[in-house]
Amino acid sequence: MRQRLDELLEMWRRLNELSDQRRRRLTEAVDFHQFLTDADDVDTYMLDVLRLVSSDDIGKDESNVQTLLKKHKETTDDLKSYQVTIDALHEQASQLGEDDRQGPAVQERLASIDKRFAELQELAKLRKQRLLDALSLYKLFTEADGVEQWISEKEKMLVTMKPGKDIEDCEIMKHRFDGFDREMNANASRVAVVNQLARQLLHVEHPNSEEIVDRQNKLNQRWADLREKAEAKREELGSAHGVQTFHIECRETVTWIEDKKRVLEQTDELKMDLTGIMTLQRKLSGMDRDMAAIEAKLKSLEEEAGRIRDSHPDEAQLVMDRTAKLRKEWEDLNTMLHEREAKLEEAGDLHRFLKDLDHFQVKCEFCLLYLCTTARRNFEPFVQMYCTYVFQFSKSQDI
């Protein structure tokens, strides 16, 4: 009986042990499958992140890239915080049954998850760099597009700057060009910014280096073309302004000559007495200086006329007419001046003769009075001799 009782107790104990083992195995199985379920969730999450960080979409413009960068930052921030979930999965695996914990299913699954998570982090860095490269590229293109658009507008503006037909129009065009020139100098810094951005991207070996070089060369060529056109327009407007200035100076010089001619014409009314001679001398005294200045101006205008005929064939005839008129006015002035100088010289000769004659008469009268007083004789023969001498002297001077 006792033996039977012991057998029953042993069987009960054995049953309890089996029951505990079964409960433990079931619990471990539940934990194991829960681990697998959680691992599947991690895999699903990483698969979704993989699609995001391995995307080839880098945007079509600067704004689009900014949006993608913002989304990518949210993804990477979430990926960093997901490290807690990975660590929890490792902790969960460490609490599995010894057989399951050390089994290949768990160890290989954890290793695979860790590897793919590390790959995701690396892919996230690569995608961020690609987006930053794209952003830099689109910024370069945006700046280049802005400068090229400005260049196109200014090229059209230069075409509308036509040389004027009078000095007022030339001044207006010159003022417009000066404003354009200042604006061009201000925008030179924008070209420098694009070149600086391009050099920076090429220095870090940007993946689109060839495209960057092409765009940089295109912009620099267009900028060089605009500068060349601007310089040609500057010369064209300056030349047109010079032509109009030439015409104005010709008219002013003609007026200058005519003023001098009027001064000389006024001397026709002068009487050739002492007062008239002094007046004529005074008016002619400063004429030589004015004549030298007019002659120098005339030579300068004739030299300028030669240059204008070469650079502006359409103005050649008008320029020749103006210089011919100017030369004729100058020759007329010279003729008038020579006539007045000759007249002054004749009047001077007459004045000097009359002065000498008066001086001679005074001397003769004094001598006659002296002789008559001292000799106390009839002086009629001497008077006759004096009169004869005066007559001969007058005749010799063609009076």
Protein backbone atom coordinates (compact mmCIF):
# COMPACT_ATOMS: atom_id res chain seq x y z
CA MET A 1 0.00 0.00 0.00
CA ARG A 2 2.77 2.27 0.95
CA GLN A 3 4.58 1.48 -2.23
CA ARG A 4 1.50 2.23 -4.28
CA LEU A 5 1.12 5.56 -2.57
CA ASP A 6 4.71 6.48 -3.28
CA GLU A 7 4.23 5.59 -6.92
CA LEU A 8 1.19 7.86 -7.09
CA LEU A 9 3.06 10.73 -5.46
CA GLU A 10 5.94 10.27 -7.89
CA MET A 11 3.55 10.25 -10.80
CA TRP A 12 1.91 13.49 -9.50
CA ARG A 13 5.24 15.17 -9.10
CA ARG A 14 6.20 14.06 -12.57
CA LEU A 15 2.94 15.39 -13.90
CA ASN A 16 3.53 18.75 -12.26
CA GLU A 17 7.02 18.90 -13.74
CA LEU A 18 5.69 18.09 -17.18
CA SER A 19 2.97 20.66 -16.70
CA ASP A 20 5.52 23.32 -15.71
CA GLN A 21 7.71 22.40 -18.65
CA ARG A 22 4.73 22.60 -20.96
CA ARG A 23 3.68 25.95 -19.51
CA ARG A 24 7.26 27.27 -19.85
CA ARG A 25 7.58 26.02 -23.39
CA LEU A 26 4.27 27.54 -24.35
CA THR A 27 5.26 30.83 -22.71
CA GLU A 28 8.59 30.73 -24.50
CA ALA A 29 6.80 29.93 -27.74
CA VAL A 30 4.50 32.91 -27.22
CA ASP A 31 7.51 35.16 -26.51
CA PHE A 32 9.33 33.71 -29.51
CA HIS A 33 6.44 34.33 -31.87
CA GLN A 34 5.90 37.77 -30.35
CA PHE A 35 9.55 38.47 -31.07
CA LEU A 36 9.10 37.33 -34.63
CA THR A 37 5.99 39.47 -34.96
CA ASP A 38 7.84 42.50 -33.60
CA ALA A 39 10.77 41.72 -35.87
CA ASP A 40 8.37 41.62 -38.81
CA ASP A 41 7.06 45.03 -37.79
CA VAL A 42 10.63 46.36 -37.71
CA ASP A 43 11.26 44.89 -41.13
CA THR A 44 8.09 46.49 -42.46
CA TYR A 45 9.09 49.85 -41.04
CA MET A 46 12.60 49.62 -42.46
CA LEU A 47 11.18 48.61 -45.83
CA ASP A 48 9.04 51.76 -45.86
CA VAL A 49 12.03 53.89 -44.86
CA LEU A 50 14.15 52.17 -47.50
CA ARG A 51 11.73 53.31 -50.20
CA LEU A 52 12.11 56.90 -48.95
CA VAL A 53 15.88 57.07 -48.49
CA SER A 54 16.64 55.23 -51.74
CA SER A 55 14.36 57.42 -53.86
CA ASP A 56 15.85 58.93 -57.03
CA ASP A 57 13.61 61.98 -56.78
CA ILE A 58 15.85 64.99 -56.11
CA GLY A 59 13.34 67.64 -57.19
CA LYS A 60 12.95 69.79 -60.27
CA ASP A 61 13.77 73.18 -58.82
CA GLU A 62 15.03 74.86 -55.69
CA SER A 63 11.61 75.05 -54.03
CA ASN A 64 10.88 71.39 -54.71
CA VAL A 65 14.24 70.34 -53.26
CA GLN A 66 13.56 72.40 -50.13
CA THR A 67 10.33 70.47 -49.65
CA LEU A 68 12.09 67.12 -50.14
CA LEU A 69 14.80 68.12 -47.67
CA LYS A 70 12.17 68.97 -45.09
CA LYS A 71 10.51 65.56 -45.55
CA HIS A 72 13.87 63.82 -45.47
CA LYS A 73 14.74 65.51 -42.19
CA GLU A 74 11.50 64.19 -40.70
CA THR A 75 12.41 60.71 -41.94
CA THR A 76 15.94 60.81 -40.55
CA ASP A 77 14.73 62.18 -37.21
CA ASP A 78 12.21 59.34 -37.02
CA LEU A 79 14.92 56.86 -38.00
CA LYS A 80 17.17 58.08 -35.22
CA SER A 81 14.37 57.74 -32.67
CA TYR A 82 13.62 54.23 -33.98
CA GLN A 83 16.92 53.11 -32.50
CA VAL A 84 15.01 52.73 -29.24
CA THR A 85 12.73 50.14 -30.89
CA ILE A 86 15.75 48.19 -32.18
CA ASP A 87 17.30 48.18 -28.73
CA ALA A 88 14.01 46.99 -27.25
CA LEU A 89 13.92 44.15 -29.76
CA HIS A 90 17.38 43.09 -28.61
CA GLU A 91 16.22 43.24 -25.02
CA GLN A 92 13.18 41.21 -25.96
CA ALA A 93 15.40 38.58 -27.61
CA SER A 94 17.56 38.36 -24.53
CA GLN A 95 14.50 37.34 -22.49
CA LEU A 96 13.56 34.44 -24.77
CA GLY A 97 14.14 30.87 -23.80
CA GLU A 98 17.73 29.72 -23.93
CA ASP A 99 17.12 27.49 -26.91
CA ASP A 100 15.26 30.22 -28.80
CA ARG A 101 17.66 32.96 -27.68
CA GLN A 102 20.68 31.10 -28.95
CA GLY A 103 18.92 29.65 -31.96
CA PRO A 104 19.83 30.74 -35.50
CA ALA A 105 16.33 32.09 -36.15
CA VAL A 106 16.74 34.79 -33.50
CA GLN A 107 20.43 35.53 -33.94
CA GLU A 108 20.25 35.73 -37.70
CA ARG A 109 17.10 37.84 -37.54
CA LEU A 110 18.73 40.32 -35.14
CA ALA A 111 21.88 40.49 -37.24
CA SER A 112 19.81 41.10 -40.38
CA ILE A 113 17.82 43.85 -38.67
CA ASP A 114 20.99 45.55 -37.36
CA LYS A 115 22.61 45.38 -40.79
CA ARG A 116 19.60 46.79 -42.61
CA PHE A 117 19.17 49.53 -40.00
CA ALA A 118 22.81 50.56 -40.47
CA GLU A 119 22.28 50.51 -44.24
CA LEU A 120 19.23 52.71 -43.85
CA GLN A 121 21.23 55.24 -41.86
CA GLU A 122 23.93 55.27 -44.52
CA LEU A 123 21.38 55.59 -47.32
CA ALA A 124 19.76 58.45 -45.41
CA LYS A 125 23.10 60.27 -45.30
CA LEU A 126 23.66 59.66 -49.00
CA ARG A 127 20.19 60.91 -49.88
CA LYS A 128 20.65 64.01 -47.77
CA GLN A 129 23.91 64.73 -49.57
CA ARG A 130 22.24 64.18 -52.94
CA LEU A 131 19.48 66.59 -52.00
CA LEU A 132 22.03 69.15 -50.78
CA ASP A 133 23.96 68.74 -54.03
CA ALA A 134 20.74 69.25 -55.97
CA LEU A 135 19.90 72.29 -53.86
CA SER A 136 23.31 73.81 -54.55
CA LEU A 137 22.92 73.05 -58.25
CA TYR A 138 19.46 74.61 -58.45
CA LYS A 139 20.65 77.65 -56.51
CA LEU A 140 23.41 78.04 -59.06
CA PHE A 141 20.91 77.66 -61.90
CA THR A 142 18.50 80.10 -60.25
CA GLU A 143 21.21 82.73 -59.94
CA ALA A 144 22.41 82.05 -63.47
CA ASP A 145 18.85 82.23 -64.84
CA GLY A 146 18.31 85.57 -63.09
CA VAL A 147 21.51 87.03 -64.52
CA GLU A 148 20.80 85.69 -68.01
CA GLN A 149 17.28 87.12 -67.92
CA TRP A 150 18.73 90.49 -66.91
CA ILE A 151 21.29 90.23 -69.72
CA SER A 152 18.52 89.51 -72.26
CA GLU A 153 16.59 92.58 -71.10
CA LYS A 154 19.67 94.80 -71.31
CA GLU A 155 20.55 93.50 -74.77
CA LYS A 156 17.10 94.59 -75.94
CA MET A 157 17.59 97.92 -74.18
CA LEU A 158 20.87 98.53 -75.99
CA VAL A 159 19.14 97.98 -79.33
CA THR A 160 16.69 100.80 -78.53
CA MET A 161 19.53 103.28 -77.82
CA LYS A 162 19.74 104.98 -81.21
CA PRO A 163 22.09 107.97 -81.69
CA GLY A 164 20.14 111.23 -81.78
CA LYS A 165 19.99 113.72 -84.64
CA ASP A 166 20.63 116.71 -82.38
CA ILE A 167 22.55 117.41 -79.22
CA GLU A 168 19.46 117.13 -76.99
CA ASP A 169 18.70 113.60 -78.20
CA CYS A 170 22.37 112.68 -77.82
CA GLU A 171 22.37 113.96 -74.24
CA ILE A 172 19.23 111.92 -73.47
CA MET A 173 20.77 108.76 -74.94
CA LYS A 174 24.02 109.41 -73.08
CA HIS A 175 22.07 109.81 -69.82
CA ARG A 176 20.23 106.53 -70.46
CA PHE A 177 23.49 104.75 -71.21
CA ASP A 178 25.13 106.13 -68.05
CA GLY A 179 22.25 104.65 -66.04
CA PHE A 180 22.65 101.33 -67.84
CA ASP A 181 26.40 101.41 -67.22
CA ARG A 182 25.90 101.93 -63.48
CA GLU A 183 23.37 99.08 -63.39
CA MET A 184 25.78 96.84 -65.28
CA ASN A 185 28.57 97.54 -62.80
CA ALA A 186 26.17 96.73 -59.96
CA ASN A 187 25.18 93.40 -61.53
CA ALA A 188 28.78 92.35 -62.10
CA SER A 189 28.71 91.08 -58.49
CA ARG A 190 25.87 88.68 -59.42
CA VAL A 191 28.07 87.11 -62.09
CA ALA A 192 30.87 86.85 -59.54
CA VAL A 193 28.50 85.06 -57.12
CA VAL A 194 27.56 82.48 -59.77
CA ASN A 195 31.23 81.85 -60.57
CA GLN A 196 32.03 81.53 -56.87
CA LEU A 197 29.23 79.00 -56.39
CA ALA A 198 30.42 77.06 -59.42
CA ARG A 199 34.00 76.94 -58.13
CA GLN A 200 32.82 75.71 -54.74
CA LEU A 201 30.75 72.91 -56.28
CA LEU A 202 33.57 71.88 -58.59
CA HIS A 203 36.00 71.91 -55.66
CA VAL A 204 33.92 69.31 -53.78
CA GLU A 205 33.57 67.27 -57.00
CA HIS A 206 29.85 67.78 -57.44
CA PRO A 207 28.26 64.90 -59.39
CA ASN A 208 26.94 67.38 -61.97
CA SER A 209 30.33 69.03 -62.52
CA GLU A 210 30.10 68.85 -66.31
CA GLU A 211 26.71 70.54 -66.32
CA ILE A 212 27.99 73.18 -63.91
CA VAL A 213 30.98 73.98 -66.14
CA ASP A 214 28.73 74.27 -69.20
CA ARG A 215 26.35 76.63 -67.44
CA GLN A 216 29.20 78.70 -66.03
CA ASN A 217 30.83 79.05 -69.45
CA LYS A 218 27.52 79.97 -71.06
CA LEU A 219 26.85 82.70 -68.51
CA ASN A 220 30.37 84.12 -68.74
CA GLN A 221 30.15 84.18 -72.54
CA ARG A 222 26.84 86.03 -72.48
CA TRP A 223 28.24 88.48 -69.93
CA ALA A 224 31.32 89.06 -72.12
CA ASP A 225 29.07 89.58 -75.16
CA LEU A 226 26.99 92.13 -73.25
CA ARG A 227 30.10 94.03 -72.17
CA GLU A 228 31.33 94.05 -75.74
CA LYS A 229 27.98 95.35 -77.01
CA ALA A 230 27.91 97.96 -74.25
CA GLU A 231 31.38 99.18 -75.18
CA ALA A 232 30.38 99.36 -78.85
CA LYS A 233 27.26 101.31 -77.90
CA ARG A 234 29.33 103.64 -75.72
CA GLU A 235 31.59 104.39 -78.70
CA GLU A 236 28.60 104.80 -81.01
CA LEU A 237 26.81 107.25 -78.70
CA GLY A 238 30.05 109.04 -77.89
CA SER A 239 30.84 109.38 -81.57
CA ALA A 240 27.35 110.71 -82.33
CA HIS A 241 27.67 113.14 -79.43
CA GLY A 242 31.02 114.21 -80.85
CA VAL A 243 29.47 114.87 -84.25
CA GLN A 244 26.75 117.04 -82.74
CA THR A 245 29.31 118.81 -80.59
CA PHE A 246 31.36 119.42 -83.73
CA HIS A 247 28.37 121.09 -85.43
CA ILE A 248 27.74 123.24 -82.36
CA GLU A 249 31.38 124.29 -82.15
CA CYS A 250 31.35 125.12 -85.86
CA ARG A 251 28.34 127.39 -85.38
CA GLU A 252 29.92 128.97 -82.31
CA THR A 253 33.17 129.57 -84.18
CA VAL A 254 31.31 131.15 -87.09
CA THR A 255 29.53 133.44 -84.61
CA TRP A 256 32.89 134.22 -83.02
CA ILE A 257 34.33 135.18 -86.42
CA GLU A 258 31.27 137.24 -87.31
CA ASP A 259 31.58 139.14 -84.02
CA LYS A 260 35.15 140.04 -84.93
CA LYS A 261 34.06 141.07 -88.40
CA ARG A 262 31.45 143.40 -86.91
CA VAL A 263 34.13 144.94 -84.72
CA LEU A 264 36.27 145.60 -87.81
CA GLU A 265 33.30 146.92 -89.81
CA GLN A 266 32.67 149.51 -87.14
CA THR A 267 36.11 151.01 -87.83
CA ASP A 268 34.95 152.14 -91.29
CA GLU A 269 33.16 155.05 -89.65
CA LEU A 270 36.28 156.31 -87.87
CA LYS A 271 37.95 159.47 -89.07
CA MET A 272 41.65 159.19 -89.64
CA ASP A 273 42.52 161.92 -87.20
CA LEU A 274 44.48 161.33 -84.02
CA THR A 275 41.39 160.16 -82.11
CA GLY A 276 40.32 157.81 -84.91
CA ILE A 277 43.79 156.35 -85.22
CA MET A 278 44.01 155.69 -81.47
CA THR A 279 40.57 154.08 -81.49
CA LEU A 280 41.54 151.83 -84.39
CA GLN A 281 44.80 150.91 -82.70
CA ARG A 282 42.93 149.98 -79.50
CA LYS A 283 40.45 147.76 -81.34
CA LEU A 284 43.18 146.03 -83.32
CA SER A 285 45.51 145.59 -80.35
CA GLY A 286 43.66 142.53 -78.94
CA MET A 287 42.72 141.17 -82.35
CA ASP A 288 45.99 139.26 -82.86
CA ARG A 289 45.39 137.20 -79.73
CA ASP A 290 41.80 136.46 -80.78
CA MET A 291 42.93 135.59 -84.30
CA ALA A 292 45.46 133.07 -82.95
CA ALA A 293 42.78 131.45 -80.79
CA ILE A 294 40.33 131.31 -83.72
CA GLU A 295 42.97 129.82 -86.00
CA ALA A 296 43.83 127.13 -83.43
CA LYS A 297 40.13 126.31 -83.05
CA LEU A 298 39.73 126.15 -86.83
CA LYS A 299 42.61 123.68 -87.16
CA SER A 300 41.16 121.56 -84.36
CA LEU A 301 37.75 121.50 -86.05
CA GLU A 302 39.26 120.58 -89.40
CA GLU A 303 41.13 117.67 -87.80
CA GLU A 304 37.92 116.55 -86.11
CA ALA A 305 36.12 116.85 -89.44
CA GLY A 306 38.60 114.42 -90.98
CA ARG A 307 37.91 111.86 -88.26
CA ILE A 308 34.16 112.31 -88.61
CA ARG A 309 34.31 111.77 -92.38
CA ASP A 310 36.06 108.44 -91.76
CA SER A 311 33.76 107.24 -88.98
CA HIS A 312 30.47 108.74 -90.27
CA PRO A 313 30.39 108.67 -94.07
CA ASP A 314 26.74 109.78 -93.99
CA GLU A 315 27.83 113.02 -92.30
CA ALA A 316 30.74 113.64 -94.68
CA GLN A 317 28.99 116.14 -96.98
CA LEU A 318 27.53 118.19 -94.12
CA VAL A 319 30.89 118.24 -92.35
CA MET A 320 32.64 119.38 -95.53
CA ASP A 321 30.08 122.16 -96.04
CA ARG A 322 30.51 123.39 -92.47
CA THR A 323 34.30 123.40 -92.63
CA ALA A 324 34.22 125.13 -96.02
CA LYS A 325 31.94 127.85 -94.65
CA LEU A 326 34.13 128.17 -91.59
CA ARG A 327 37.28 128.48 -93.71
CA LYS A 328 35.63 131.16 -95.92
CA GLU A 329 34.53 133.16 -92.88
CA TRP A 330 38.06 132.93 -91.54
CA GLU A 331 39.58 134.11 -94.83
CA ASP A 332 37.11 137.02 -95.00
CA LEU A 333 38.07 138.02 -91.46
CA ASN A 334 41.74 137.85 -92.36
CA THR A 335 41.15 140.02 -95.42
CA MET A 336 39.27 142.61 -93.38
CA LEU A 337 41.97 142.62 -90.74
CA HIS A 338 44.73 143.11 -93.28
CA GLU A 339 42.79 145.98 -94.84
CA ARG A 340 42.37 147.66 -91.47
CA GLU A 341 46.02 147.15 -90.62
CA ALA A 342 47.04 148.69 -93.95
CA LYS A 343 44.69 151.60 -93.35
CA LEU A 344 46.12 152.05 -89.88
CA GLU A 345 49.64 151.96 -91.26
CA GLU A 346 48.83 154.65 -93.88
CA ALA A 347 47.13 156.80 -91.29
CA GLY A 348 50.13 156.35 -89.04
CA ASP A 349 52.50 157.42 -91.78
CA LEU A 350 50.39 160.51 -92.42
CA HIS A 351 50.22 161.29 -88.74
CA ARG A 352 53.97 160.92 -88.35
CA PHE A 353 54.55 163.15 -91.40
CA LEU A 354 52.28 165.85 -90.07
CA LYS A 355 53.98 165.65 -86.72
CA ASP A 356 57.39 165.94 -88.38
CA LEU A 357 56.13 168.79 -90.53
CA ASP A 358 54.86 170.68 -87.51
CA HIS A 359 58.15 170.10 -85.80
CA PHE A 360 60.01 171.34 -88.87
CA GLN A 361 57.84 174.43 -89.16
CA VAL A 362 58.45 175.32 -85.55
CA LYS A 363 62.19 175.03 -86.04
CA CYS A 364 62.12 177.08 -89.25
CA GLU A 365 60.03 179.83 -87.69
CA PHE A 366 62.34 179.98 -84.73
CA CYS A 367 65.41 180.18 -86.95
CA LEU A 368 63.82 182.85 -89.15
CA LEU A 369 62.87 184.97 -86.18
CA TYR A 370 66.32 184.60 -84.77
CA LEU A 371 68.07 185.60 -87.99
CA CYS A 372 65.81 188.56 -88.59
CA THR A 373 66.30 189.82 -85.10
CA THR A 374 70.03 189.47 -85.08
CA ALA A 375 70.82 190.41 -88.70
CA ARG A 376 68.34 193.31 -88.84
CA ARG A 377 67.97 192.95 -92.58
CA ASN A 378 65.24 192.36 -95.08
CA PHE A 379 64.17 188.67 -94.64
CA GLU A 380 61.91 188.30 -97.66
CA PRO A 381 64.43 186.21 -99.62
CA PHE A 382 64.74 183.86 -96.68
CA VAL A 383 60.97 183.47 -96.43
CA GLN A 384 60.80 182.62 -100.08
CA MET A 385 63.50 180.04 -99.61
CA TYR A 386 61.56 178.56 -96.65
CA CYS A 387 58.35 178.30 -98.63
CA THR A 388 60.15 176.63 -101.50
CA TYR A 389 61.67 174.12 -99.11
CA VAL A 390 58.30 173.30 -97.51
CA PHE A 391 56.73 172.82 -100.97
CA GLN A 392 59.50 170.42 -102.03
CA PHE A 393 59.26 168.52 -98.75
CA SER A 394 55.51 168.16 -99.14
CA LYS A 395 55.87 166.96 -102.70
CA SER A 396 58.46 164.36 -101.68
CA GLN A 397 55.99 162.96 -99.13
CA ASP A 398 53.22 162.78 -101.77
CA ILE A 399 50.88 165.08 -99.83
